[in-house]
Amino acid sequence: MEPVMTEEENNPEKKRLSRNEKDEAQGFYDHAITLIKRREPKEAVKSLVKALAINNGFIDAQKQLGMLYIDQKMWGKGAAVYQYLAVKTNDPVDFSHLGLCLYSNGDLDGAANAYQQAINLDPERVQRYISLAQVYKEAGKSQLGVIAINKAIELDSNNLEYWLLAGDLNMQLKNFLDARGAINKAIEIAPMSKVAKKMLEDLEIEEKKSREEKHATE
């Protein structure tokens, strides 16, 4: 069973669960929590699926199942859970988890949309901008990646990794001045960073190549 919205849930006249059904679903959920604590995730998944077969709208069970799928790197199933949850809860955390699942499953456009929705709902979580920038980088949309990473830097300007990513994205765009500024900032934060120094060397090579190409066309 895939934990997605059923026809019954889309129907405003859907059947109400009886007390016995709710109790049975809760029992499977409680058993799943026990299994998670005992580090038996596969059995916990089975118990949660049983709970959701009875009550597909059991949000806590959906959330636990989604996290188990992420932990087990079952990205397609995780995406199905979080697509349901994102619509149902409008929770930025669920959109972020959806972004992770879609990204890991190779759906870069879907991942970007999910992370952007998480940001729209909660614009103060810096990691979401980083995730969005990385998705755009892999999707070949470096200009959008620069916008995302610049927002992350506004929120946390002393993070080495953010400046390195800004330098990388600007290098891809041949924005050499901005790339140099970002890499120099990274070196200022971490003077011994081998990655930053290597990026600076690569930048100088790219700048030289660009100058030579420009002279060749003149």
N, C-alpha and C. Protein backbone atom coordinates (compact mmCIF):
# COMPACT_ATOMS: atom_id res chain seq x y z
N MET A 1 0.84 -1.20 0.00
CA MET A 1 0.00 0.00 0.00
C MET A 1 0.87 1.25 0.00
N GLU A 2 0.61 2.16 -0.91
CA GLU A 2 1.32 3.43 -0.92
C GLU A 2 0.54 4.44 -0.10
N PRO A 3 1.22 5.17 0.78
CA PRO A 3 0.53 6.10 1.68
C PRO A 3 0.18 7.40 1.00
N VAL A 4 -0.78 7.34 0.08
CA VAL A 4 -1.20 8.53 -0.62
C VAL A 4 -2.68 8.76 -0.37
N MET A 5 -3.16 9.90 -0.81
CA MET A 5 -4.55 10.26 -0.56
C MET A 5 -5.49 9.32 -1.30
N THR A 6 -6.46 8.80 -0.61
CA THR A 6 -7.42 7.89 -1.21
C THR A 6 -8.60 8.65 -1.80
N GLU A 7 -9.37 7.95 -2.62
CA GLU A 7 -10.58 8.56 -3.17
C GLU A 7 -11.52 8.95 -2.04
N GLU A 8 -11.54 8.13 -1.00
CA GLU A 8 -12.42 8.39 0.12
C GLU A 8 -12.07 9.71 0.80
N GLU A 9 -10.75 10.02 0.87
CA GLU A 9 -10.35 11.26 1.51
C GLU A 9 -10.69 12.48 0.66
N ASN A 10 -10.74 12.30 -0.65
CA ASN A 10 -11.11 13.40 -1.52
C ASN A 10 -12.62 13.65 -1.51
N ASN A 11 -13.35 12.74 -0.96
CA ASN A 11 -14.80 12.80 -0.97
C ASN A 11 -15.29 13.44 0.33
N PRO A 12 -15.95 14.61 0.23
CA PRO A 12 -16.43 15.26 1.45
C PRO A 12 -17.43 14.42 2.22
N GLU A 13 -17.99 13.41 1.57
CA GLU A 13 -18.97 12.54 2.22
C GLU A 13 -18.30 11.27 2.73
N LYS A 14 -16.99 11.29 2.92
CA LYS A 14 -16.25 10.09 3.29
C LYS A 14 -16.79 9.50 4.60
N LYS A 15 -16.63 8.18 4.72
CA LYS A 15 -17.11 7.47 5.89
C LYS A 15 -16.28 7.85 7.10
N ARG A 16 -16.94 8.12 8.22
CA ARG A 16 -16.24 8.42 9.46
C ARG A 16 -15.74 7.14 10.07
N LEU A 17 -14.55 7.20 10.64
CA LEU A 17 -13.98 6.03 11.29
C LEU A 17 -14.70 5.75 12.60
N SER A 18 -14.91 4.49 12.87
CA SER A 18 -15.50 4.11 14.15
C SER A 18 -14.44 4.20 15.24
N ARG A 19 -14.88 4.19 16.47
CA ARG A 19 -13.94 4.21 17.60
C ARG A 19 -13.02 2.99 17.55
N ASN A 20 -13.56 1.84 17.20
CA ASN A 20 -12.75 0.63 17.13
C ASN A 20 -11.67 0.75 16.05
N GLU A 21 -12.03 1.35 14.91
CA GLU A 21 -11.05 1.53 13.85
C GLU A 21 -9.94 2.49 14.28
N LYS A 22 -10.33 3.57 14.92
CA LYS A 22 -9.32 4.52 15.41
C LYS A 22 -8.40 3.86 16.43
N ASP A 23 -8.98 3.07 17.32
CA ASP A 23 -8.18 2.39 18.33
C ASP A 23 -7.24 1.37 17.69
N GLU A 24 -7.72 0.68 16.67
CA GLU A 24 -6.89 -0.31 16.00
C GLU A 24 -5.71 0.36 15.28
N ALA A 25 -6.00 1.47 14.59
CA ALA A 25 -4.93 2.21 13.92
C ALA A 25 -3.92 2.74 14.93
N GLN A 26 -4.43 3.25 16.07
CA GLN A 26 -3.54 3.75 17.11
C GLN A 26 -2.66 2.63 17.67
N GLY A 27 -3.24 1.45 17.79
CA GLY A 27 -2.47 0.31 18.29
C GLY A 27 -1.32 -0.04 17.37
N PHE A 28 -1.57 -0.05 16.06
CA PHE A 28 -0.49 -0.32 15.11
C PHE A 28 0.57 0.79 15.16
N TYR A 29 0.12 2.03 15.33
CA TYR A 29 1.06 3.15 15.43
C TYR A 29 1.93 3.03 16.68
N ASP A 30 1.30 2.75 17.82
CA ASP A 30 2.06 2.61 19.07
C ASP A 30 3.07 1.48 18.96
N HIS A 31 2.65 0.39 18.32
CA HIS A 31 3.58 -0.74 18.13
C HIS A 31 4.75 -0.33 17.25
N ALA A 32 4.48 0.49 16.23
CA ALA A 32 5.55 0.97 15.36
C ALA A 32 6.55 1.80 16.13
N ILE A 33 6.07 2.66 17.02
CA ILE A 33 6.97 3.48 17.84
C ILE A 33 7.87 2.59 18.69
N THR A 34 7.29 1.55 19.26
CA THR A 34 8.09 0.59 20.04
C THR A 34 9.16 -0.06 19.16
N LEU A 35 8.79 -0.43 17.95
CA LEU A 35 9.73 -1.06 17.03
C LEU A 35 10.85 -0.10 16.63
N ILE A 36 10.50 1.17 16.44
CA ILE A 36 11.52 2.17 16.11
C ILE A 36 12.52 2.29 17.25
N LYS A 37 12.03 2.31 18.49
CA LYS A 37 12.92 2.41 19.65
C LYS A 37 13.80 1.17 19.77
N ARG A 38 13.28 0.03 19.28
CA ARG A 38 14.06 -1.21 19.30
C ARG A 38 14.94 -1.36 18.06
N ARG A 39 14.95 -0.31 17.24
CA ARG A 39 15.75 -0.28 16.02
C ARG A 39 15.39 -1.43 15.07
N GLU A 40 14.09 -1.55 14.85
CA GLU A 40 13.56 -2.51 13.88
C GLU A 40 12.73 -1.73 12.86
N PRO A 41 13.40 -0.91 12.00
CA PRO A 41 12.67 0.00 11.12
C PRO A 41 11.80 -0.71 10.08
N LYS A 42 12.24 -1.83 9.57
CA LYS A 42 11.44 -2.52 8.54
C LYS A 42 10.13 -3.02 9.11
N GLU A 43 10.19 -3.56 10.33
CA GLU A 43 8.95 -4.01 10.96
C GLU A 43 8.08 -2.82 11.33
N ALA A 44 8.72 -1.71 11.71
CA ALA A 44 7.96 -0.50 12.04
C ALA A 44 7.20 0.00 10.81
N VAL A 45 7.84 -0.06 9.65
CA VAL A 45 7.17 0.35 8.41
C VAL A 45 5.91 -0.49 8.20
N LYS A 46 6.03 -1.78 8.39
CA LYS A 46 4.88 -2.68 8.19
C LYS A 46 3.74 -2.30 9.13
N SER A 47 4.08 -1.99 10.37
CA SER A 47 3.04 -1.64 11.34
C SER A 47 2.38 -0.31 10.99
N LEU A 48 3.16 0.64 10.52
CA LEU A 48 2.59 1.94 10.13
C LEU A 48 1.71 1.80 8.90
N VAL A 49 2.12 0.97 7.97
CA VAL A 49 1.29 0.75 6.77
C VAL A 49 -0.05 0.13 7.17
N LYS A 50 -0.04 -0.75 8.15
CA LYS A 50 -1.30 -1.32 8.64
C LYS A 50 -2.18 -0.25 9.27
N ALA A 51 -1.54 0.65 10.04
CA ALA A 51 -2.31 1.74 10.64
C ALA A 51 -2.94 2.62 9.58
N LEU A 52 -2.17 2.90 8.52
CA LEU A 52 -2.67 3.79 7.47
C LEU A 52 -3.67 3.10 6.55
N ALA A 53 -3.63 1.78 6.49
CA ALA A 53 -4.65 1.05 5.73
C ALA A 53 -6.02 1.23 6.37
N ILE A 54 -6.02 1.42 7.67
CA ILE A 54 -7.28 1.66 8.40
C ILE A 54 -7.64 3.13 8.37
N ASN A 55 -6.65 3.98 8.62
CA ASN A 55 -6.88 5.43 8.71
C ASN A 55 -5.79 6.16 7.95
N ASN A 56 -6.01 6.37 6.67
CA ASN A 56 -4.99 7.01 5.82
C ASN A 56 -4.72 8.45 6.23
N GLY A 57 -5.66 9.06 6.93
CA GLY A 57 -5.50 10.44 7.37
C GLY A 57 -4.82 10.58 8.73
N PHE A 58 -4.19 9.53 9.20
CA PHE A 58 -3.49 9.51 10.49
C PHE A 58 -2.14 10.22 10.29
N ILE A 59 -2.12 11.53 10.58
CA ILE A 59 -0.97 12.37 10.23
C ILE A 59 0.30 11.93 10.95
N ASP A 60 0.21 11.61 12.23
CA ASP A 60 1.41 11.19 12.96
C ASP A 60 2.01 9.93 12.34
N ALA A 61 1.16 9.03 11.92
CA ALA A 61 1.65 7.79 11.28
C ALA A 61 2.30 8.11 9.94
N GLN A 62 1.70 9.01 9.19
CA GLN A 62 2.29 9.42 7.92
C GLN A 62 3.68 10.02 8.14
N LYS A 63 3.81 10.89 9.15
CA LYS A 63 5.09 11.54 9.41
C LYS A 63 6.16 10.52 9.83
N GLN A 64 5.79 9.59 10.69
CA GLN A 64 6.74 8.56 11.11
C GLN A 64 7.16 7.68 9.94
N LEU A 65 6.20 7.36 9.08
CA LEU A 65 6.51 6.53 7.92
C LEU A 65 7.45 7.28 6.97
N GLY A 66 7.17 8.56 6.77
CA GLY A 66 8.03 9.35 5.90
C GLY A 66 9.46 9.39 6.39
N MET A 67 9.65 9.58 7.70
CA MET A 67 11.01 9.62 8.26
C MET A 67 11.70 8.27 8.13
N LEU A 68 10.95 7.18 8.30
CA LEU A 68 11.55 5.85 8.13
C LEU A 68 11.99 5.64 6.70
N TYR A 69 11.19 6.10 5.74
CA TYR A 69 11.59 5.97 4.34
C TYR A 69 12.85 6.80 4.05
N ILE A 70 12.94 7.98 4.63
CA ILE A 70 14.15 8.78 4.45
C ILE A 70 15.35 8.07 5.07
N ASP A 71 15.19 7.56 6.28
CA ASP A 71 16.29 6.87 6.96
C ASP A 71 16.79 5.68 6.14
N GLN A 72 15.86 5.02 5.44
CA GLN A 72 16.21 3.84 4.66
C GLN A 72 16.50 4.18 3.19
N LYS A 73 16.53 5.48 2.90
CA LYS A 73 16.82 5.97 1.55
C LYS A 73 15.85 5.41 0.50
N MET A 74 14.61 5.26 0.91
CA MET A 74 13.55 4.82 -0.01
C MET A 74 12.86 6.08 -0.53
N TRP A 75 13.55 6.76 -1.44
CA TRP A 75 13.19 8.12 -1.81
C TRP A 75 11.84 8.23 -2.51
N GLY A 76 11.53 7.28 -3.39
CA GLY A 76 10.26 7.33 -4.11
C GLY A 76 9.08 7.20 -3.16
N LYS A 77 9.16 6.26 -2.23
CA LYS A 77 8.08 6.09 -1.26
C LYS A 77 8.02 7.27 -0.31
N GLY A 78 9.19 7.78 0.06
CA GLY A 78 9.21 8.96 0.91
C GLY A 78 8.54 10.15 0.23
N ALA A 79 8.81 10.32 -1.06
CA ALA A 79 8.19 11.42 -1.80
C ALA A 79 6.67 11.29 -1.81
N ALA A 80 6.17 10.05 -1.96
CA ALA A 80 4.72 9.84 -1.97
C ALA A 80 4.11 10.26 -0.64
N VAL A 81 4.78 9.92 0.46
CA VAL A 81 4.28 10.31 1.79
C VAL A 81 4.26 11.83 1.93
N TYR A 82 5.37 12.46 1.58
CA TYR A 82 5.47 13.90 1.83
C TYR A 82 4.67 14.72 0.83
N GLN A 83 4.39 14.19 -0.33
CA GLN A 83 3.47 14.88 -1.23
C GLN A 83 2.08 14.94 -0.59
N TYR A 84 1.70 13.84 0.03
CA TYR A 84 0.42 13.80 0.75
C TYR A 84 0.45 14.78 1.92
N LEU A 85 1.52 14.69 2.73
CA LEU A 85 1.59 15.53 3.93
C LEU A 85 1.66 17.02 3.60
N ALA A 86 2.43 17.37 2.57
CA ALA A 86 2.59 18.78 2.23
C ALA A 86 1.24 19.42 1.90
N VAL A 87 0.42 18.70 1.15
CA VAL A 87 -0.91 19.20 0.81
C VAL A 87 -1.80 19.25 2.04
N LYS A 88 -1.69 18.22 2.86
CA LYS A 88 -2.59 18.08 4.01
C LYS A 88 -2.26 19.07 5.13
N THR A 89 -0.95 19.29 5.39
CA THR A 89 -0.56 20.07 6.56
C THR A 89 -0.09 21.49 6.23
N ASN A 90 0.38 21.69 4.99
CA ASN A 90 1.00 22.97 4.61
C ASN A 90 2.13 23.35 5.57
N ASP A 91 2.85 22.34 6.04
CA ASP A 91 3.94 22.51 7.00
C ASP A 91 5.26 22.64 6.23
N PRO A 92 6.04 23.70 6.47
CA PRO A 92 7.31 23.86 5.74
C PRO A 92 8.27 22.69 5.93
N VAL A 93 8.22 22.04 7.10
CA VAL A 93 9.08 20.88 7.33
C VAL A 93 8.73 19.76 6.36
N ASP A 94 7.44 19.54 6.13
CA ASP A 94 7.02 18.49 5.19
C ASP A 94 7.45 18.84 3.77
N PHE A 95 7.38 20.12 3.40
CA PHE A 95 7.86 20.52 2.08
C PHE A 95 9.37 20.31 1.96
N SER A 96 10.12 20.59 3.04
CA SER A 96 11.57 20.36 3.01
C SER A 96 11.90 18.89 2.83
N HIS A 97 11.18 18.04 3.56
CA HIS A 97 11.41 16.61 3.42
C HIS A 97 11.02 16.13 2.03
N LEU A 98 9.96 16.71 1.48
CA LEU A 98 9.58 16.39 0.11
C LEU A 98 10.70 16.78 -0.85
N GLY A 99 11.28 17.96 -0.63
CA GLY A 99 12.39 18.40 -1.47
C GLY A 99 13.55 17.43 -1.43
N LEU A 100 13.90 16.97 -0.23
CA LEU A 100 15.00 16.01 -0.08
C LEU A 100 14.71 14.72 -0.84
N CYS A 101 13.49 14.20 -0.68
CA CYS A 101 13.14 12.94 -1.35
C CYS A 101 13.16 13.10 -2.87
N LEU A 102 12.59 14.18 -3.37
CA LEU A 102 12.55 14.39 -4.82
C LEU A 102 13.96 14.60 -5.37
N TYR A 103 14.79 15.38 -4.67
CA TYR A 103 16.17 15.60 -5.08
C TYR A 103 16.93 14.27 -5.15
N SER A 104 16.79 13.48 -4.10
CA SER A 104 17.51 12.21 -4.03
C SER A 104 16.98 11.21 -5.05
N ASN A 105 15.76 11.42 -5.51
CA ASN A 105 15.16 10.55 -6.51
C ASN A 105 15.37 11.07 -7.93
N GLY A 106 16.11 12.19 -8.06
CA GLY A 106 16.46 12.70 -9.38
C GLY A 106 15.51 13.71 -9.98
N ASP A 107 14.48 14.12 -9.23
CA ASP A 107 13.51 15.09 -9.73
C ASP A 107 13.93 16.48 -9.26
N LEU A 108 14.84 17.13 -10.00
CA LEU A 108 15.39 18.40 -9.57
C LEU A 108 14.36 19.53 -9.60
N ASP A 109 13.54 19.56 -10.65
CA ASP A 109 12.52 20.61 -10.72
C ASP A 109 11.52 20.49 -9.58
N GLY A 110 11.10 19.26 -9.31
CA GLY A 110 10.16 19.04 -8.21
C GLY A 110 10.78 19.41 -6.88
N ALA A 111 12.06 19.07 -6.71
CA ALA A 111 12.76 19.39 -5.47
C ALA A 111 12.86 20.90 -5.28
N ALA A 112 13.19 21.62 -6.34
CA ALA A 112 13.30 23.07 -6.26
C ALA A 112 11.96 23.69 -5.87
N ASN A 113 10.89 23.20 -6.46
CA ASN A 113 9.57 23.72 -6.13
C ASN A 113 9.22 23.46 -4.67
N ALA A 114 9.57 22.27 -4.18
CA ALA A 114 9.26 21.93 -2.79
C ALA A 114 10.05 22.79 -1.82
N TYR A 115 11.36 22.96 -2.08
CA TYR A 115 12.16 23.80 -1.20
C TYR A 115 11.69 25.26 -1.24
N GLN A 116 11.31 25.73 -2.43
CA GLN A 116 10.83 27.10 -2.53
C GLN A 116 9.54 27.28 -1.74
N GLN A 117 8.68 26.28 -1.77
CA GLN A 117 7.44 26.38 -1.00
C GLN A 117 7.74 26.39 0.50
N ALA A 118 8.72 25.58 0.92
CA ALA A 118 9.12 25.59 2.34
C ALA A 118 9.63 26.97 2.73
N ILE A 119 10.41 27.59 1.86
CA ILE A 119 10.94 28.93 2.12
C ILE A 119 9.81 29.96 2.18
N ASN A 120 8.86 29.83 1.28
CA ASN A 120 7.73 30.77 1.28
C ASN A 120 6.98 30.72 2.61
N LEU A 121 6.86 29.52 3.17
CA LEU A 121 6.12 29.35 4.41
C LEU A 121 6.94 29.75 5.63
N ASP A 122 8.27 29.56 5.54
CA ASP A 122 9.15 29.86 6.67
C ASP A 122 10.49 30.34 6.13
N PRO A 123 10.64 31.64 5.89
CA PRO A 123 11.83 32.17 5.22
C PRO A 123 13.05 32.35 6.11
N GLU A 124 13.01 31.89 7.34
CA GLU A 124 14.12 32.14 8.27
C GLU A 124 15.04 30.94 8.45
N ARG A 125 14.76 29.81 7.82
CA ARG A 125 15.59 28.62 7.98
C ARG A 125 16.64 28.61 6.87
N VAL A 126 17.88 28.89 7.26
CA VAL A 126 18.95 29.09 6.28
C VAL A 126 19.24 27.83 5.47
N GLN A 127 19.13 26.65 6.07
CA GLN A 127 19.49 25.42 5.37
C GLN A 127 18.64 25.20 4.13
N ARG A 128 17.42 25.71 4.13
CA ARG A 128 16.56 25.51 2.96
C ARG A 128 17.09 26.29 1.75
N TYR A 129 17.67 27.45 2.00
CA TYR A 129 18.27 28.21 0.89
C TYR A 129 19.48 27.46 0.34
N ILE A 130 20.25 26.83 1.23
CA ILE A 130 21.41 26.06 0.79
C ILE A 130 20.96 24.88 -0.06
N SER A 131 19.95 24.17 0.41
CA SER A 131 19.43 23.03 -0.35
C SER A 131 18.92 23.49 -1.71
N LEU A 132 18.21 24.61 -1.74
CA LEU A 132 17.68 25.13 -3.00
C LEU A 132 18.83 25.52 -3.94
N ALA A 133 19.86 26.16 -3.40
CA ALA A 133 21.01 26.55 -4.22
C ALA A 133 21.69 25.33 -4.82
N GLN A 134 21.84 24.28 -4.04
CA GLN A 134 22.48 23.06 -4.53
C GLN A 134 21.65 22.38 -5.61
N VAL A 135 20.34 22.40 -5.44
CA VAL A 135 19.46 21.83 -6.47
C VAL A 135 19.61 22.61 -7.77
N TYR A 136 19.57 23.93 -7.68
CA TYR A 136 19.72 24.76 -8.88
C TYR A 136 21.09 24.55 -9.53
N LYS A 137 22.12 24.38 -8.72
CA LYS A 137 23.46 24.14 -9.26
C LYS A 137 23.46 22.86 -10.11
N GLU A 138 22.89 21.79 -9.57
CA GLU A 138 22.87 20.52 -10.30
C GLU A 138 21.94 20.58 -11.51
N ALA A 139 20.93 21.43 -11.44
CA ALA A 139 19.98 21.56 -12.55
C ALA A 139 20.51 22.49 -13.65
N GLY A 140 21.70 23.05 -13.45
CA GLY A 140 22.26 23.97 -14.43
C GLY A 140 21.60 25.34 -14.42
N LYS A 141 21.04 25.70 -13.28
CA LYS A 141 20.37 27.00 -13.13
C LYS A 141 21.13 27.83 -12.10
N SER A 142 22.40 28.09 -12.43
CA SER A 142 23.30 28.71 -11.46
C SER A 142 22.85 30.11 -11.05
N GLN A 143 22.21 30.86 -11.97
CA GLN A 143 21.78 32.21 -11.61
C GLN A 143 20.75 32.18 -10.49
N LEU A 144 19.83 31.21 -10.56
CA LEU A 144 18.86 31.05 -9.48
C LEU A 144 19.57 30.56 -8.22
N GLY A 145 20.60 29.74 -8.40
CA GLY A 145 21.37 29.27 -7.27
C GLY A 145 22.05 30.41 -6.55
N VAL A 146 22.57 31.38 -7.30
CA VAL A 146 23.23 32.54 -6.69
C VAL A 146 22.23 33.33 -5.84
N ILE A 147 21.02 33.49 -6.34
CA ILE A 147 20.00 34.22 -5.58
C ILE A 147 19.75 33.51 -4.25
N ALA A 148 19.65 32.18 -4.30
CA ALA A 148 19.38 31.41 -3.08
C ALA A 148 20.55 31.48 -2.10
N ILE A 149 21.78 31.31 -2.60
CA ILE A 149 22.93 31.32 -1.70
C ILE A 149 23.16 32.71 -1.11
N ASN A 150 22.88 33.74 -1.88
CA ASN A 150 23.02 35.10 -1.35
C ASN A 150 22.07 35.34 -0.18
N LYS A 151 20.88 34.76 -0.27
CA LYS A 151 19.92 34.90 0.83
C LYS A 151 20.44 34.15 2.06
N ALA A 152 21.03 32.98 1.85
CA ALA A 152 21.60 32.23 2.97
C ALA A 152 22.70 33.03 3.64
N ILE A 153 23.54 33.69 2.84
CA ILE A 153 24.64 34.48 3.38
C ILE A 153 24.11 35.68 4.16
N GLU A 154 22.98 36.24 3.72
CA GLU A 154 22.37 37.33 4.49
C GLU A 154 22.00 36.87 5.89
N LEU A 155 21.57 35.62 5.99
CA LEU A 155 21.14 35.09 7.28
C LEU A 155 22.31 34.60 8.13
N ASP A 156 23.40 34.18 7.49
CA ASP A 156 24.57 33.66 8.22
C ASP A 156 25.81 33.94 7.38
N SER A 157 26.45 35.08 7.65
CA SER A 157 27.55 35.53 6.81
C SER A 157 28.91 34.99 7.22
N ASN A 158 28.95 34.15 8.24
CA ASN A 158 30.23 33.64 8.72
C ASN A 158 30.39 32.14 8.49
N ASN A 159 29.60 31.61 7.57
CA ASN A 159 29.68 30.18 7.29
C ASN A 159 30.56 29.94 6.07
N LEU A 160 31.65 29.22 6.26
CA LEU A 160 32.62 28.95 5.20
C LEU A 160 31.97 28.28 4.00
N GLU A 161 31.15 27.26 4.24
CA GLU A 161 30.57 26.48 3.15
C GLU A 161 29.68 27.34 2.26
N TYR A 162 29.00 28.30 2.85
CA TYR A 162 28.11 29.15 2.06
C TYR A 162 28.92 30.00 1.07
N TRP A 163 30.03 30.55 1.55
CA TRP A 163 30.86 31.37 0.67
C TRP A 163 31.52 30.52 -0.43
N LEU A 164 31.89 29.30 -0.09
CA LEU A 164 32.47 28.41 -1.11
C LEU A 164 31.44 28.09 -2.19
N LEU A 165 30.21 27.83 -1.77
CA LEU A 165 29.17 27.54 -2.76
C LEU A 165 28.88 28.78 -3.60
N ALA A 166 28.89 29.95 -2.98
CA ALA A 166 28.69 31.20 -3.73
C ALA A 166 29.80 31.37 -4.76
N GLY A 167 31.04 31.08 -4.36
CA GLY A 167 32.15 31.18 -5.29
C GLY A 167 32.00 30.21 -6.44
N ASP A 168 31.61 28.99 -6.15
CA ASP A 168 31.44 27.96 -7.18
C ASP A 168 30.37 28.35 -8.18
N LEU A 169 29.22 28.81 -7.68
CA LEU A 169 28.12 29.20 -8.57
C LEU A 169 28.51 30.38 -9.46
N ASN A 170 29.19 31.34 -8.88
CA ASN A 170 29.61 32.50 -9.68
C ASN A 170 30.68 32.13 -10.70
N MET A 171 31.52 31.18 -10.38
CA MET A 171 32.49 30.70 -11.36
C MET A 171 31.79 30.05 -12.54
N GLN A 172 30.76 29.27 -12.26
CA GLN A 172 30.00 28.64 -13.33
C GLN A 172 29.39 29.67 -14.27
N LEU A 173 29.00 30.81 -13.70
CA LEU A 173 28.40 31.88 -14.49
C LEU A 173 29.43 32.81 -15.12
N LYS A 174 30.72 32.54 -14.81
CA LYS A 174 31.82 33.42 -15.25
C LYS A 174 31.69 34.82 -14.67
N ASN A 175 31.06 34.90 -13.51
CA ASN A 175 31.04 36.15 -12.74
C ASN A 175 32.31 36.17 -11.88
N PHE A 176 33.43 36.41 -12.54
CA PHE A 176 34.70 36.20 -11.87
C PHE A 176 34.93 37.15 -10.69
N LEU A 177 34.47 38.39 -10.81
CA LEU A 177 34.66 39.34 -9.73
C LEU A 177 33.91 38.90 -8.48
N ASP A 178 32.65 38.48 -8.67
CA ASP A 178 31.86 38.01 -7.53
C ASP A 178 32.43 36.70 -6.97
N ALA A 179 32.90 35.85 -7.87
CA ALA A 179 33.51 34.59 -7.42
C ALA A 179 34.73 34.86 -6.56
N ARG A 180 35.59 35.79 -7.02
CA ARG A 180 36.79 36.11 -6.25
C ARG A 180 36.43 36.69 -4.88
N GLY A 181 35.43 37.56 -4.86
CA GLY A 181 35.01 38.13 -3.59
C GLY A 181 34.54 37.06 -2.62
N ALA A 182 33.77 36.09 -3.12
CA ALA A 182 33.25 35.02 -2.26
C ALA A 182 34.38 34.13 -1.76
N ILE A 183 35.31 33.78 -2.65
CA ILE A 183 36.42 32.91 -2.25
C ILE A 183 37.33 33.62 -1.26
N ASN A 184 37.59 34.90 -1.49
CA ASN A 184 38.41 35.67 -0.55
C ASN A 184 37.75 35.74 0.83
N LYS A 185 36.43 35.86 0.84
CA LYS A 185 35.72 35.86 2.11
C LYS A 185 35.87 34.51 2.81
N ALA A 186 35.81 33.43 2.03
CA ALA A 186 35.99 32.09 2.60
C ALA A 186 37.38 31.96 3.22
N ILE A 187 38.40 32.48 2.52
CA ILE A 187 39.77 32.42 3.04
C ILE A 187 39.91 33.29 4.29
N GLU A 188 39.20 34.40 4.32
CA GLU A 188 39.21 35.26 5.51
C GLU A 188 38.66 34.51 6.72
N ILE A 189 37.60 33.73 6.48
CA ILE A 189 36.97 32.96 7.56
C ILE A 189 37.86 31.79 7.97
N ALA A 190 38.45 31.11 6.98
CA ALA A 190 39.26 29.92 7.25
C ALA A 190 40.55 30.01 6.44
N PRO A 191 41.56 30.71 6.94
CA PRO A 191 42.79 30.94 6.19
C PRO A 191 43.51 29.67 5.75
N MET A 192 43.30 28.56 6.44
CA MET A 192 43.99 27.31 6.10
C MET A 192 43.15 26.40 5.20
N SER A 193 42.01 26.88 4.73
CA SER A 193 41.12 26.04 3.92
C SER A 193 41.78 25.66 2.59
N LYS A 194 42.05 24.38 2.42
CA LYS A 194 42.63 23.90 1.17
C LYS A 194 41.63 24.02 0.02
N VAL A 195 40.36 23.82 0.32
CA VAL A 195 39.33 23.91 -0.72
C VAL A 195 39.28 25.33 -1.27
N ALA A 196 39.28 26.31 -0.39
CA ALA A 196 39.21 27.71 -0.83
C ALA A 196 40.43 28.07 -1.67
N LYS A 197 41.60 27.65 -1.23
CA LYS A 197 42.82 27.96 -1.98
C LYS A 197 42.83 27.30 -3.35
N LYS A 198 42.32 26.07 -3.41
CA LYS A 198 42.23 25.37 -4.70
C LYS A 198 41.25 26.08 -5.62
N MET A 199 40.13 26.54 -5.05
CA MET A 199 39.15 27.28 -5.85
C MET A 199 39.74 28.57 -6.39
N LEU A 200 40.57 29.23 -5.60
CA LEU A 200 41.21 30.46 -6.05
C LEU A 200 42.15 30.18 -7.22
N GLU A 201 42.87 29.07 -7.15
CA GLU A 201 43.74 28.67 -8.26
C GLU A 201 42.91 28.38 -9.51
N ASP A 202 41.81 27.66 -9.32
CA ASP A 202 40.93 27.33 -10.46
C ASP A 202 40.35 28.61 -11.06
N LEU A 203 40.00 29.55 -10.19
CA LEU A 203 39.45 30.82 -10.67
C LEU A 203 40.46 31.54 -11.55
N GLU A 204 41.70 31.59 -11.13
CA GLU A 204 42.73 32.27 -11.91
C GLU A 204 42.94 31.60 -13.27
N ILE A 205 42.83 30.28 -13.30
CA ILE A 205 42.93 29.55 -14.57
C ILE A 205 41.76 29.93 -15.48
N GLU A 206 40.55 29.97 -14.90
CA GLU A 206 39.36 30.30 -15.69
C GLU A 206 39.42 31.74 -16.19
N GLU A 207 39.91 32.65 -15.37
CA GLU A 207 40.04 34.05 -15.79
C GLU A 207 41.03 34.17 -16.95
N LYS A 208 42.14 33.47 -16.86
CA LYS A 208 43.14 33.51 -17.92
C LYS A 208 42.56 32.94 -19.21
N LYS A 209 41.86 31.82 -19.10
CA LYS A 209 41.25 31.19 -20.28
C LYS A 209 40.24 32.14 -20.92
N SER A 210 39.45 32.82 -20.09
CA SER A 210 38.45 33.75 -20.61
C SER A 210 39.11 34.91 -21.34
N ARG A 211 40.22 35.43 -20.79
CA ARG A 211 40.94 36.54 -21.45
C ARG A 211 41.49 36.09 -22.80
N GLU A 212 42.03 34.88 -22.83
CA GLU A 212 42.60 34.36 -24.07
C GLU A 212 41.51 34.16 -25.14
N GLU A 213 40.36 33.66 -24.71
CA GLU A 213 39.25 33.49 -25.65
C GLU A 213 38.75 34.81 -26.18
N LYS A 214 38.74 35.82 -25.31
CA LYS A 214 38.29 37.16 -25.73
C LYS A 214 39.26 37.75 -26.73
N HIS A 215 40.58 37.61 -26.49
CA HIS A 215 41.59 38.13 -27.42
C HIS A 215 41.54 37.41 -28.74
N ALA A 216 41.20 36.12 -28.71
CA ALA A 216 41.18 35.34 -29.94
C ALA A 216 40.04 35.76 -30.87
N THR A 217 39.01 36.34 -30.30
CA THR A 217 37.87 36.76 -31.11
C THR A 217 37.93 38.21 -31.53
N GLU A 218 38.94 38.93 -31.05
CA GLU A 218 39.03 40.35 -31.39
C GLU A 218 39.74 40.57 -32.74
